[in-house]
Structures are given as structure tokens and as C-alpha cells.
N, C-alpha and C. Protein backbone atom coordinates (compact mmCIF):
# COMPACT_ATOMS: atom_id res chain seq x y z
N MET A 1 121.05 156.35 110.87
CA MET A 1 122.16 156.44 111.81
C MET A 1 123.26 155.48 111.38
N THR A 2 124.48 155.98 111.23
CA THR A 2 125.60 155.15 110.81
C THR A 2 126.08 154.30 111.97
N LEU A 3 126.82 153.22 111.62
CA LEU A 3 127.37 152.37 112.66
C LEU A 3 128.29 153.16 113.56
N ARG A 4 129.07 154.07 112.97
CA ARG A 4 130.00 154.87 113.75
C ARG A 4 129.26 155.71 114.78
N THR A 5 128.15 156.34 114.36
CA THR A 5 127.36 157.14 115.28
C THR A 5 126.73 156.27 116.35
N ARG A 6 126.21 155.09 115.96
CA ARG A 6 125.59 154.20 116.92
C ARG A 6 126.60 153.76 117.97
N LEU A 7 127.82 153.50 117.52
CA LEU A 7 128.83 153.04 118.45
C LEU A 7 129.19 154.12 119.46
N PHE A 8 129.27 155.37 118.99
CA PHE A 8 129.59 156.45 119.91
C PHE A 8 128.47 156.64 120.91
N SER A 9 127.21 156.57 120.46
CA SER A 9 126.08 156.70 121.36
C SER A 9 126.12 155.62 122.42
N ALA A 10 126.45 154.40 121.99
CA ALA A 10 126.52 153.30 122.94
C ALA A 10 127.65 153.51 123.94
N ALA A 11 128.76 154.07 123.47
CA ALA A 11 129.90 154.31 124.36
C ALA A 11 129.51 155.33 125.42
N ALA A 12 128.86 156.40 125.02
CA ALA A 12 128.44 157.42 125.96
C ALA A 12 127.50 156.83 127.00
N LEU A 13 126.60 155.97 126.57
CA LEU A 13 125.67 155.33 127.48
C LEU A 13 126.41 154.41 128.43
N ALA A 14 127.41 153.68 127.90
CA ALA A 14 128.16 152.76 128.76
C ALA A 14 128.91 153.52 129.84
N VAL A 15 129.49 154.67 129.48
CA VAL A 15 130.22 155.47 130.47
C VAL A 15 129.26 156.01 131.50
N ALA A 16 128.09 156.46 131.03
CA ALA A 16 127.10 156.99 131.95
C ALA A 16 126.65 155.93 132.94
N LEU A 17 126.56 154.69 132.52
CA LEU A 17 126.18 153.61 133.43
C LEU A 17 127.28 153.36 134.44
N ALA A 18 128.49 153.69 134.07
CA ALA A 18 129.66 153.54 134.93
C ALA A 18 129.65 152.18 135.60
N GLY A 19 129.29 152.09 135.81
CA GLY A 19 129.31 150.83 136.45
C GLY A 19 129.93 149.96 135.21
N CYS A 20 131.53 138.09 104.22
CA CYS A 20 130.87 137.29 103.20
C CYS A 20 129.83 136.46 103.97
N SER A 21 128.63 136.26 103.51
CA SER A 21 127.57 135.72 104.34
C SER A 21 127.63 134.21 104.45
N LYS A 22 126.98 133.57 105.28
CA LYS A 22 126.96 132.13 105.48
C LYS A 22 125.54 131.71 105.85
N GLU A 23 125.36 130.39 105.94
CA GLU A 23 124.04 129.89 106.30
C GLU A 23 123.63 130.47 107.66
N GLY A 24 122.38 130.89 107.72
CA GLY A 24 121.90 131.50 108.95
C GLY A 24 121.84 133.01 108.87
N GLN A 25 122.47 133.58 107.83
CA GLN A 25 122.43 135.01 107.64
C GLN A 25 121.38 135.38 106.61
N LEU A 26 120.81 136.53 106.80
CA LEU A 26 119.84 137.04 105.85
C LEU A 26 120.56 138.01 104.93
N VAL A 27 120.60 137.70 103.64
CA VAL A 27 121.25 138.56 102.67
C VAL A 27 120.18 139.34 101.93
N ILE A 28 120.21 140.63 102.09
CA ILE A 28 119.20 141.48 101.44
C ILE A 28 119.83 142.09 100.21
N ASP A 29 119.55 141.51 99.06
CA ASP A 29 120.13 141.99 97.81
C ASP A 29 119.27 141.48 96.68
N GLU A 30 118.13 142.07 96.44
CA GLU A 30 117.17 141.59 95.46
C GLU A 30 116.88 142.62 94.38
N GLY A 31 117.87 143.39 93.99
CA GLY A 31 117.71 144.35 92.91
C GLY A 31 116.88 145.55 93.29
N VAL A 32 116.79 145.87 94.57
CA VAL A 32 116.01 147.04 94.97
C VAL A 32 116.89 148.07 95.68
N GLY A 33 118.16 148.03 95.38
CA GLY A 33 119.06 149.04 95.94
C GLY A 33 119.51 148.76 97.35
N ILE A 34 119.32 147.52 97.83
CA ILE A 34 119.71 147.19 99.20
C ILE A 34 120.91 146.26 99.17
N ALA A 35 121.83 146.48 100.05
CA ALA A 35 122.96 145.55 100.19
C ALA A 35 123.35 145.53 101.66
N SER A 36 122.77 144.65 102.42
CA SER A 36 123.12 144.53 103.83
C SER A 36 122.94 143.10 104.27
N VAL A 37 123.56 142.77 105.39
CA VAL A 37 123.51 141.41 105.91
C VAL A 37 123.06 141.46 107.37
N LEU A 38 122.10 140.64 107.70
CA LEU A 38 121.68 140.52 109.08
C LEU A 38 122.00 139.12 109.56
N SER A 39 122.80 139.02 110.58
CA SER A 39 123.21 137.73 111.12
C SER A 39 122.77 137.64 112.56
N SER A 40 122.56 136.43 113.04
CA SER A 40 122.25 136.26 114.45
C SER A 40 123.47 136.49 115.32
N CYS A 41 124.67 136.50 114.72
CA CYS A 41 125.90 136.81 115.45
C CYS A 41 126.05 138.32 115.59
N PRO A 42 126.31 138.81 116.78
CA PRO A 42 126.49 140.25 116.95
C PRO A 42 127.70 140.78 116.19
N ASP A 43 127.59 142.00 115.68
CA ASP A 43 128.76 142.69 115.17
C ASP A 43 129.67 143.01 116.36
N VAL A 44 130.97 142.99 116.13
CA VAL A 44 131.93 143.29 117.19
C VAL A 44 132.73 144.52 116.82
N GLY A 45 132.89 145.45 117.75
CA GLY A 45 133.63 146.67 117.43
C GLY A 45 134.07 147.41 118.67
N ILE A 46 134.80 148.50 118.43
CA ILE A 46 135.28 149.38 119.48
C ILE A 46 134.57 150.72 119.33
N PRO A 47 133.83 151.19 120.29
CA PRO A 47 133.16 152.48 120.17
C PRO A 47 134.15 153.62 119.98
N ASP A 48 133.72 154.64 119.26
CA ASP A 48 134.55 155.83 119.08
C ASP A 48 135.05 156.37 120.42
N TYR A 49 136.29 156.76 120.43
CA TYR A 49 136.93 157.42 121.57
C TYR A 49 137.20 156.52 122.77
N THR A 50 136.94 155.22 122.68
CA THR A 50 137.20 154.33 123.81
C THR A 50 138.32 153.33 123.55
N GLY A 51 138.95 153.40 122.38
CA GLY A 51 140.01 152.45 122.05
C GLY A 51 141.38 152.88 122.50
N ASP A 52 141.48 154.06 123.13
CA ASP A 52 142.77 154.58 123.60
C ASP A 52 142.60 155.13 125.01
N ILE A 53 143.68 155.09 125.76
CA ILE A 53 143.67 155.70 127.09
C ILE A 53 145.00 156.41 127.30
N THR A 54 144.95 157.60 127.89
CA THR A 54 146.13 158.40 128.14
C THR A 54 146.20 158.74 129.62
N ALA A 55 147.34 158.51 130.23
CA ALA A 55 147.52 158.82 131.65
C ALA A 55 148.56 159.92 131.80
N PHE A 56 148.32 160.83 132.73
CA PHE A 56 149.23 161.93 133.00
C PHE A 56 149.76 161.82 134.43
N ARG A 57 150.95 162.35 134.64
CA ARG A 57 151.57 162.26 135.96
C ARG A 57 150.79 163.07 136.99
N VAL A 58 150.47 164.30 136.64
CA VAL A 58 149.72 165.18 137.54
C VAL A 58 148.31 165.35 137.00
N PRO A 59 147.30 164.97 137.76
CA PRO A 59 145.92 165.09 137.29
C PRO A 59 145.57 166.53 136.91
N GLY A 60 144.86 166.68 135.79
CA GLY A 60 144.42 167.99 135.34
C GLY A 60 145.38 168.67 134.38
N ASP A 61 146.62 168.24 134.35
CA ASP A 61 147.61 168.80 133.43
C ASP A 61 147.75 167.87 132.24
N VAL A 62 147.14 168.29 131.09
CA VAL A 62 147.14 167.41 129.91
C VAL A 62 148.16 167.86 128.87
N THR A 63 149.23 168.51 129.31
CA THR A 63 150.29 168.93 128.40
C THR A 63 151.20 167.75 128.09
N ALA A 64 151.92 167.86 126.96
CA ALA A 64 152.80 166.77 126.53
C ALA A 64 153.88 166.48 127.55
N GLY A 65 154.36 167.51 128.24
CA GLY A 65 155.41 167.31 129.23
C GLY A 65 154.96 166.53 130.45
N ASN A 66 153.65 166.44 130.65
CA ASN A 66 153.12 165.73 131.82
C ASN A 66 152.66 164.32 131.48
N LEU A 67 152.88 163.90 130.23
CA LEU A 67 152.41 162.61 129.77
C LEU A 67 153.13 161.47 130.50
N ASP A 68 152.36 160.51 130.96
CA ASP A 68 152.92 159.36 131.67
C ASP A 68 152.91 158.11 130.81
N MET A 69 151.74 157.76 130.24
CA MET A 69 151.61 156.52 129.49
C MET A 69 150.42 156.60 128.54
N THR A 70 150.52 155.91 127.41
CA THR A 70 149.40 155.77 126.48
C THR A 70 149.22 154.29 126.18
N ALA A 71 147.98 153.89 125.90
CA ALA A 71 147.68 152.50 125.56
C ALA A 71 146.54 152.46 124.55
N SER A 72 146.54 151.45 123.70
CA SER A 72 145.51 151.31 122.67
C SER A 72 145.07 149.86 122.56
N ILE A 73 143.78 149.68 122.25
CA ILE A 73 143.23 148.36 121.96
C ILE A 73 143.41 148.09 120.47
N THR A 74 143.93 146.93 120.11
CA THR A 74 144.17 146.60 118.71
C THR A 74 143.92 145.10 118.49
N ASN A 75 143.95 144.70 117.23
CA ASN A 75 143.78 143.29 116.85
C ASN A 75 142.51 142.66 117.45
N LEU A 76 141.41 143.39 117.40
CA LEU A 76 140.14 142.85 117.89
C LEU A 76 139.64 141.79 116.92
N ARG A 77 139.43 140.58 117.42
CA ARG A 77 138.98 139.46 116.60
C ARG A 77 137.83 138.77 117.30
N SER A 78 136.99 138.06 116.53
CA SER A 78 135.86 137.39 117.18
C SER A 78 135.52 136.09 116.49
N THR A 79 134.93 135.17 117.24
CA THR A 79 134.36 133.94 116.72
C THR A 79 132.94 133.85 117.24
N CYS A 80 132.08 133.12 116.49
CA CYS A 80 130.68 133.05 116.88
C CYS A 80 130.15 131.64 116.68
N ASP A 81 129.45 131.14 117.67
CA ASP A 81 128.78 129.85 117.58
C ASP A 81 127.27 130.11 117.61
N ASP A 82 126.64 129.97 116.43
CA ASP A 82 125.21 130.24 116.33
C ASP A 82 124.42 128.96 116.07
N SER A 83 124.92 127.85 116.59
CA SER A 83 124.30 126.55 116.33
C SER A 83 123.16 126.23 117.30
N GLY A 84 123.06 126.96 118.38
CA GLY A 84 122.04 126.66 119.38
C GLY A 84 121.06 127.79 119.59
N ALA A 85 120.21 127.62 120.59
CA ALA A 85 119.22 128.65 120.91
C ALA A 85 119.88 129.90 121.45
N LYS A 86 121.04 129.74 122.08
CA LYS A 86 121.82 130.87 122.55
C LYS A 86 123.04 131.04 121.65
N VAL A 87 123.17 132.18 121.03
CA VAL A 87 124.30 132.49 120.16
C VAL A 87 125.44 133.02 121.02
N TYR A 88 126.61 132.39 120.93
CA TYR A 88 127.73 132.85 121.74
C TYR A 88 128.82 133.45 120.88
N THR A 89 129.24 134.65 121.22
CA THR A 89 130.33 135.35 120.55
C THR A 89 131.49 135.55 121.51
N ASN A 90 132.69 135.19 121.06
CA ASN A 90 133.89 135.40 121.87
C ASN A 90 134.82 136.36 121.14
N ALA A 91 135.27 137.37 121.82
CA ALA A 91 136.17 138.37 121.24
C ALA A 91 137.49 138.38 122.00
N THR A 92 138.59 138.53 121.27
CA THR A 92 139.90 138.68 121.87
C THR A 92 140.56 139.93 121.30
N PHE A 93 141.44 140.51 122.06
CA PHE A 93 142.11 141.73 121.61
C PHE A 93 143.44 141.90 122.35
N ASP A 94 144.28 142.74 121.78
CA ASP A 94 145.56 143.09 122.40
C ASP A 94 145.52 144.53 122.89
N VAL A 95 146.30 144.79 123.91
CA VAL A 95 146.50 146.15 124.39
C VAL A 95 147.99 146.44 124.30
N VAL A 96 148.36 147.46 123.54
CA VAL A 96 149.76 147.87 123.42
C VAL A 96 149.93 149.21 124.11
N ALA A 97 150.99 149.34 124.90
CA ALA A 97 151.19 150.55 125.69
C ALA A 97 152.61 151.07 125.57
N ARG A 98 152.75 152.36 125.80
CA ARG A 98 154.05 153.03 125.75
C ARG A 98 154.15 153.99 126.94
N ARG A 99 155.26 153.93 127.66
CA ARG A 99 155.46 154.84 128.80
C ARG A 99 156.59 155.81 128.52
N MET A 100 156.58 156.92 129.22
CA MET A 100 157.59 157.95 128.99
C MET A 100 158.85 157.69 129.82
N ASP A 101 158.67 157.29 131.07
CA ASP A 101 159.79 157.04 131.96
C ASP A 101 160.08 155.55 131.96
N THR A 102 161.24 155.15 131.47
CA THR A 102 161.57 153.72 131.33
C THR A 102 162.41 153.19 132.49
N ASN A 103 162.57 153.98 133.53
CA ASN A 103 163.37 153.52 134.68
C ASN A 103 162.57 152.54 135.53
N GLY A 104 163.16 151.38 135.78
CA GLY A 104 162.54 150.41 136.67
C GLY A 104 161.44 149.59 136.03
N ALA A 105 161.20 148.44 136.62
CA ALA A 105 160.08 147.61 136.17
C ALA A 105 158.79 148.21 136.71
N ARG A 106 157.72 148.02 135.97
CA ARG A 106 156.43 148.62 136.37
C ARG A 106 155.28 147.77 135.87
N GLN A 107 154.30 147.60 136.71
CA GLN A 107 153.08 146.88 136.33
C GLN A 107 151.90 147.85 136.34
N VAL A 108 151.11 147.79 135.27
CA VAL A 108 149.95 148.67 135.13
C VAL A 108 148.73 147.83 134.81
N THR A 109 147.63 148.08 135.49
CA THR A 109 146.38 147.38 135.23
C THR A 109 145.36 148.37 134.69
N LEU A 110 144.81 148.05 133.52
CA LEU A 110 143.84 148.94 132.87
C LEU A 110 142.47 148.27 132.79
N PRO A 111 141.41 148.97 133.16
CA PRO A 111 140.05 148.41 133.07
C PRO A 111 139.46 148.57 131.68
N TYR A 112 138.68 147.58 131.26
CA TYR A 112 137.97 147.68 129.99
C TYR A 112 136.55 147.17 130.19
N PHE A 113 135.65 147.61 129.32
CA PHE A 113 134.27 147.14 129.38
C PHE A 113 133.95 146.30 128.15
N SER A 114 133.00 145.41 128.30
CA SER A 114 132.41 144.70 127.17
C SER A 114 130.90 144.79 127.37
N THR A 115 130.20 145.26 126.37
CA THR A 115 128.77 145.48 126.51
C THR A 115 128.03 145.00 125.28
N VAL A 116 126.85 144.45 125.48
CA VAL A 116 125.99 144.03 124.39
C VAL A 116 124.93 145.11 124.18
N ILE A 117 124.84 145.61 122.95
CA ILE A 117 123.91 146.66 122.60
C ILE A 117 122.87 146.11 121.64
N ARG A 118 121.61 146.40 121.89
CA ARG A 118 120.54 145.98 120.99
C ARG A 118 119.93 147.19 120.31
N GLY A 119 119.72 147.09 119.01
CA GLY A 119 119.07 148.17 118.27
C GLY A 119 119.86 149.45 118.22
N GLY A 120 121.16 149.38 118.45
CA GLY A 120 122.00 150.57 118.32
C GLY A 120 122.15 151.41 119.56
N SER A 121 121.32 151.19 120.61
CA SER A 121 121.41 152.06 121.77
C SER A 121 121.08 151.40 123.10
N ALA A 122 120.30 150.34 123.11
CA ALA A 122 119.87 149.73 124.37
C ALA A 122 120.92 148.79 124.93
N VAL A 123 121.41 149.07 126.13
CA VAL A 123 122.41 148.22 126.77
C VAL A 123 121.73 146.99 127.35
N VAL A 124 122.13 145.80 126.87
CA VAL A 124 121.57 144.55 127.38
C VAL A 124 122.39 144.04 128.56
N THR A 125 123.68 143.99 128.39
CA THR A 125 124.57 143.60 129.49
C THR A 125 125.85 144.43 129.41
N LYS A 126 126.52 144.54 130.54
CA LYS A 126 127.82 145.21 130.57
C LYS A 126 128.69 144.54 131.63
N ARG A 127 129.93 144.27 131.25
CA ARG A 127 130.88 143.67 132.18
C ARG A 127 132.18 144.46 132.17
N ILE A 128 132.87 144.43 133.30
CA ILE A 128 134.16 145.11 133.42
C ILE A 128 135.25 144.06 133.62
N GLY A 129 136.34 144.20 132.87
CA GLY A 129 137.50 143.32 133.02
C GLY A 129 138.76 144.16 133.12
N THR A 130 139.88 143.52 133.30
CA THR A 130 141.15 144.24 133.37
C THR A 130 142.21 143.56 132.53
N VAL A 131 143.15 144.36 132.04
CA VAL A 131 144.33 143.88 131.31
C VAL A 131 145.55 144.36 132.07
N THR A 132 146.48 143.44 132.37
CA THR A 132 147.68 143.79 133.10
C THR A 132 148.87 143.88 132.15
N LEU A 133 149.60 144.97 132.25
CA LEU A 133 150.77 145.22 131.43
C LEU A 133 152.01 145.23 132.32
N ASN A 134 153.07 144.55 131.88
CA ASN A 134 154.31 144.50 132.66
C ASN A 134 155.45 145.11 131.84
N PHE A 135 155.91 146.28 132.28
CA PHE A 135 157.06 146.93 131.65
C PHE A 135 158.34 146.43 132.33
N ALA A 136 159.25 145.90 131.52
CA ALA A 136 160.55 145.50 132.07
C ALA A 136 161.41 146.74 132.30
N ASP A 137 162.39 146.63 133.17
CA ASP A 137 163.28 147.74 133.45
C ASP A 137 163.95 148.20 132.17
N GLY A 138 163.81 149.48 131.84
CA GLY A 138 164.39 150.05 130.64
C GLY A 138 163.51 149.92 129.41
N ALA A 139 162.41 149.19 129.53
CA ALA A 139 161.52 148.98 128.37
C ALA A 139 160.52 150.12 128.24
N GLU A 140 160.36 150.58 127.03
CA GLU A 140 159.41 151.65 126.75
C GLU A 140 158.02 151.10 126.48
N ARG A 141 157.94 149.87 125.95
CA ARG A 141 156.66 149.32 125.52
C ARG A 141 156.33 148.02 126.25
N ALA A 142 155.02 147.77 126.34
CA ALA A 142 154.51 146.54 126.94
C ALA A 142 153.23 146.15 126.22
N GLN A 143 152.86 144.86 126.32
CA GLN A 143 151.66 144.40 125.63
C GLN A 143 150.94 143.37 126.49
N GLY A 144 149.62 143.43 126.44
CA GLY A 144 148.78 142.47 127.15
C GLY A 144 147.63 142.06 126.27
N SER A 145 146.76 141.21 126.77
CA SER A 145 145.62 140.75 125.98
C SER A 145 144.39 140.62 126.86
N GLY A 146 143.22 140.69 126.22
CA GLY A 146 141.97 140.59 126.95
C GLY A 146 140.96 139.80 126.15
N THR A 147 139.88 139.41 126.80
CA THR A 147 138.81 138.67 126.15
C THR A 147 137.46 139.23 126.57
N ALA A 148 136.46 138.96 125.75
CA ALA A 148 135.09 139.35 126.06
C ALA A 148 134.16 138.34 125.42
N GLY A 149 133.05 138.05 126.08
CA GLY A 149 132.09 137.10 125.53
C GLY A 149 130.67 137.58 125.70
N ALA A 150 129.79 137.08 124.87
CA ALA A 150 128.39 137.50 124.95
C ALA A 150 127.47 136.40 124.47
N PHE A 151 126.37 136.20 125.19
CA PHE A 151 125.29 135.33 124.76
C PHE A 151 124.12 136.18 124.30
N VAL A 152 123.54 135.81 123.14
CA VAL A 152 122.37 136.49 122.61
C VAL A 152 121.31 135.44 122.30
N ASP A 153 120.08 135.69 122.70
CA ASP A 153 118.98 134.78 122.39
C ASP A 153 118.75 134.75 120.89
N ARG A 154 118.87 133.56 120.29
CA ARG A 154 118.74 133.45 118.84
C ARG A 154 117.38 133.96 118.35
N ALA A 155 116.33 133.70 119.10
CA ALA A 155 114.99 134.15 118.70
C ALA A 155 114.92 135.66 118.64
N GLU A 156 115.56 136.34 119.59
CA GLU A 156 115.54 137.80 119.60
C GLU A 156 116.39 138.38 118.48
N ALA A 157 117.38 137.63 118.02
CA ALA A 157 118.27 138.11 116.95
C ALA A 157 117.80 137.65 115.58
N SER A 158 116.56 137.16 115.49
CA SER A 158 116.00 136.70 114.22
C SER A 158 114.78 137.53 113.85
N LEU A 159 114.59 137.76 112.57
CA LEU A 159 113.42 138.51 112.11
C LEU A 159 112.17 137.64 112.16
N PRO A 160 111.02 138.22 112.50
CA PRO A 160 109.77 137.48 112.39
C PRO A 160 109.57 137.01 110.95
N ALA A 161 108.87 135.87 110.78
CA ALA A 161 108.71 135.27 109.46
C ALA A 161 108.08 136.22 108.46
N ASP A 162 107.06 137.01 108.89
CA ASP A 162 106.40 137.90 107.95
C ASP A 162 107.31 139.02 107.49
N VAL A 163 108.15 139.53 108.39
CA VAL A 163 109.08 140.59 108.02
C VAL A 163 110.17 140.04 107.12
N ARG A 164 110.67 138.86 107.44
CA ARG A 164 111.70 138.23 106.60
C ARG A 164 111.19 138.04 105.16
N GLU A 165 109.91 137.62 105.02
CA GLU A 165 109.33 137.42 103.69
C GLU A 165 109.23 138.74 102.94
N ARG A 166 108.86 139.80 103.64
CA ARG A 166 108.73 141.11 102.99
C ARG A 166 110.08 141.64 102.53
N VAL A 167 111.10 141.34 103.28
CA VAL A 167 112.44 141.85 102.94
C VAL A 167 113.09 141.03 101.85
N THR A 168 112.95 139.71 101.90
CA THR A 168 113.70 138.84 100.99
C THR A 168 112.93 138.43 99.74
N ARG A 169 111.62 138.75 99.67
CA ARG A 169 110.83 138.36 98.51
C ARG A 169 111.44 138.91 97.23
N ARG A 170 111.65 138.05 96.24
CA ARG A 170 112.26 138.47 94.98
C ARG A 170 111.27 139.31 94.19
N ARG A 171 111.71 140.47 93.80
CA ARG A 171 110.88 141.39 93.04
C ARG A 171 111.33 141.40 91.58
N ARG A 172 110.38 141.38 90.67
CA ARG A 172 110.69 141.38 89.24
C ARG A 172 110.31 142.71 88.62
N ALA A 173 110.99 143.01 87.52
CA ALA A 173 110.70 144.26 86.81
C ALA A 173 109.22 144.29 86.45
N GLY A 174 108.56 145.38 86.74
CA GLY A 174 107.14 145.51 86.46
C GLY A 174 106.28 145.35 87.69
N ASP A 175 106.83 144.74 88.77
CA ASP A 175 106.07 144.65 90.00
C ASP A 175 105.84 146.05 90.57
N PRO A 176 104.69 146.31 91.17
CA PRO A 176 104.40 147.65 91.71
C PRO A 176 105.45 148.16 92.69
N ASP A 177 106.03 147.24 93.47
CA ASP A 177 107.01 147.67 94.47
C ASP A 177 108.43 147.30 94.10
N ALA A 178 108.68 147.06 92.78
CA ALA A 178 110.01 146.60 92.35
C ALA A 178 111.11 147.59 92.71
N ALA A 179 110.79 148.88 92.70
CA ALA A 179 111.82 149.90 92.95
C ALA A 179 111.80 150.39 94.40
N LEU A 180 110.97 149.77 95.25
CA LEU A 180 110.87 150.24 96.62
C LEU A 180 111.84 149.50 97.55
N ASP A 181 112.41 150.24 98.44
CA ASP A 181 113.30 149.68 99.45
C ASP A 181 112.44 149.21 100.62
N PRO A 182 112.38 147.90 100.91
CA PRO A 182 111.54 147.44 102.02
C PRO A 182 111.95 148.03 103.37
N LEU A 183 113.21 148.42 103.50
CA LEU A 183 113.65 149.02 104.75
C LEU A 183 113.14 150.44 104.93
N ALA A 184 112.50 150.99 103.88
CA ALA A 184 111.87 152.31 104.03
C ALA A 184 110.58 152.21 104.82
N ASP A 185 110.04 151.01 104.95
CA ASP A 185 108.84 150.77 105.75
C ASP A 185 109.23 150.86 107.22
N PRO A 186 108.63 151.77 108.00
CA PRO A 186 109.01 151.92 109.41
C PRO A 186 108.90 150.64 110.22
N GLN A 187 107.86 149.81 109.92
CA GLN A 187 107.70 148.57 110.67
C GLN A 187 108.83 147.58 110.38
N VAL A 188 109.22 147.49 109.11
CA VAL A 188 110.32 146.61 108.74
C VAL A 188 111.62 147.11 109.34
N ARG A 189 111.85 148.41 109.22
CA ARG A 189 113.09 148.99 109.75
C ARG A 189 113.20 148.78 111.26
N ALA A 190 112.07 148.95 111.95
CA ALA A 190 112.08 148.76 113.40
C ALA A 190 112.35 147.30 113.77
N ALA A 191 111.79 146.37 112.99
CA ALA A 191 112.01 144.95 113.27
C ALA A 191 113.46 144.56 113.05
N VAL A 192 114.06 145.10 111.98
CA VAL A 192 115.48 144.84 111.72
C VAL A 192 116.34 145.40 112.83
N GLN A 193 116.00 146.59 113.29
CA GLN A 193 116.77 147.20 114.37
C GLN A 193 116.67 146.39 115.66
N ARG A 194 115.47 145.93 115.99
CA ARG A 194 115.30 145.14 117.21
C ARG A 194 116.10 143.83 117.18
N ALA A 195 116.30 143.28 115.96
CA ALA A 195 117.02 142.01 115.81
C ALA A 195 118.52 142.20 115.64
N THR A 196 119.00 143.43 115.77
CA THR A 196 120.41 143.74 115.57
C THR A 196 121.12 143.88 116.92
N PHE A 197 122.18 143.10 117.11
CA PHE A 197 122.95 143.16 118.35
C PHE A 197 124.42 143.47 118.02
N GLU A 198 125.10 144.09 118.97
CA GLU A 198 126.52 144.39 118.84
C GLU A 198 127.23 144.07 120.15
N LEU A 199 128.44 143.55 120.03
CA LEU A 199 129.31 143.37 121.19
C LEU A 199 130.42 144.42 121.09
N LEU A 200 130.43 145.36 122.01
CA LEU A 200 131.37 146.47 121.96
C LEU A 200 132.38 146.34 123.10
N VAL A 201 133.63 146.64 122.76
CA VAL A 201 134.73 146.56 123.72
C VAL A 201 135.50 147.87 123.71
N GLY A 202 135.85 148.37 124.88
CA GLY A 202 136.64 149.60 124.96
C GLY A 202 137.18 149.78 126.36
N PHE A 203 138.06 150.75 126.52
CA PHE A 203 138.57 151.05 127.85
C PHE A 203 137.46 151.67 128.71
N GLN A 204 137.43 151.32 129.97
CA GLN A 204 136.49 151.92 130.90
C GLN A 204 137.08 153.25 131.35
N LEU A 205 136.68 154.31 130.67
CA LEU A 205 137.27 155.63 130.87
C LEU A 205 136.48 156.46 131.87
N THR A 206 137.17 157.39 132.49
CA THR A 206 136.48 158.40 133.28
C THR A 206 135.90 159.42 132.31
N GLN A 207 135.03 160.28 132.82
CA GLN A 207 134.46 161.33 131.97
C GLN A 207 135.56 162.22 131.41
N ASP A 208 136.58 162.54 132.22
CA ASP A 208 137.68 163.39 131.76
C ASP A 208 138.49 162.69 130.67
N GLN A 209 138.74 161.40 130.83
CA GLN A 209 139.50 160.66 129.81
C GLN A 209 138.73 160.57 128.50
N LEU A 210 137.41 160.36 128.59
CA LEU A 210 136.60 160.30 127.39
C LEU A 210 136.58 161.66 126.68
N ALA A 211 136.46 162.72 127.47
CA ALA A 211 136.44 164.07 126.89
C ALA A 211 137.78 164.37 126.22
N TYR A 212 138.89 163.94 126.84
CA TYR A 212 140.22 164.17 126.25
C TYR A 212 140.33 163.46 124.92
N ASN A 213 139.88 162.22 124.84
CA ASN A 213 139.94 161.46 123.57
C ASN A 213 139.08 162.11 122.49
N ALA A 214 137.95 162.68 122.89
CA ALA A 214 137.02 163.26 121.91
C ALA A 214 137.51 164.60 121.38
N THR A 215 138.39 165.28 122.10
CA THR A 215 138.81 166.64 121.70
C THR A 215 140.25 166.76 121.29
N ARG A 216 141.06 165.73 121.48
CA ARG A 216 142.49 165.87 121.17
C ARG A 216 142.73 165.90 119.65
């Protein structure tokens, strides 16, 4: 399963709920065709179809003439402190918006979610926040910013010692398993998946808004 697919699956689950390496990272690259990095810091991303929101003047009419406003999440950045038993990740992002009618000042508040996903699909936590946009009179565009944070148990985001040894053990030419990918072992693959966390951020969309983004 690709990261893109995992992110979309996580996004669908979140809507349904409605409501270079460094020390500490495991680098898997021992001449057996593997190139991946496992860190105790969660990957941060925007699930497919949740990084944009479109509003229409009249509900149900999704024609261009009925368009009211569009907004997108951009400049997603993150920092991670993995020095303690609890790994903390902080994410910041911008929301840029454009409206069709520029008459008058207008304030718009948009909801967004931040969720921690384990193993590509299991929702650990989910929070809802808001970003407020202020359009000046005559202005077509506005911009706001948001934040998201997540704590992950370092022990849960670490591989067991025996699995780590199986994955990172240096293999030499002539070894019986020199050409084998350790991640092909279901037990190893499952352990890596369990130790993988993601912090995902996106707009808290309705089912109709999500469907519109997926089909436009």
C-alpha cells in the first residue's frame, strides 16, 4: 500500500468518524534492495482530497456560476522533539482563500482536523480546529494559519530489538539470505507497520465536499 493510498484511507476514516536520516532513525539500506527510513517522529502530510475546500452560494448547485469561495492548505511544515519518552510533533500550515464577490469586508471560519494514524489506518487521536480568514473590502484573497500537535509513545514507535536486528543485520555476498528483503517476512512487515505513525492535517469536510473534491 502506497503512502498516497494510506493517506486517502485515513481521510475517509476521519470523515466517517466526523466527529536525510539522523540519530534515532533506523536506516534500512544493507545491499538487499531496501531503502526506507523508520523514525520515531510521525510523518506529516495532507490526506488526498482534504487539502482544498469549495463553497457554493446555493447548496447543491456545483456549477461555476454558483461558486462562492475556494481555500487550500499550503506550506505544511513540522518540527519534532524525540528526546523523551513521549515524542512530540508540531505542525504549522497556511490557508489561502479566494472569493468571487469582493464587495464588503467578510470573515470566514473554516474547520480542519488533525489526526494521528498508526499503521496506515488506525485512528489514535483526532482533534478539530478552526482557521479564521478576514477579507478586506474589495479584496479577492485572504490568508490565515493553523497549527496541529501530536504526542506519540516512543516505545510504540520503536521496533522490538529482535526485529530491528533482523532488519539491520549486515548481509554479505554468499550469505543464504543476502538477496532476501527482510520486509518480505510478514512478521517483520507487521512490526514495522505497527511502529509507523502519521500526523495528518486537512479540512473537516462534509461528505458532499469530500465527494466533490474526489470527482472534480
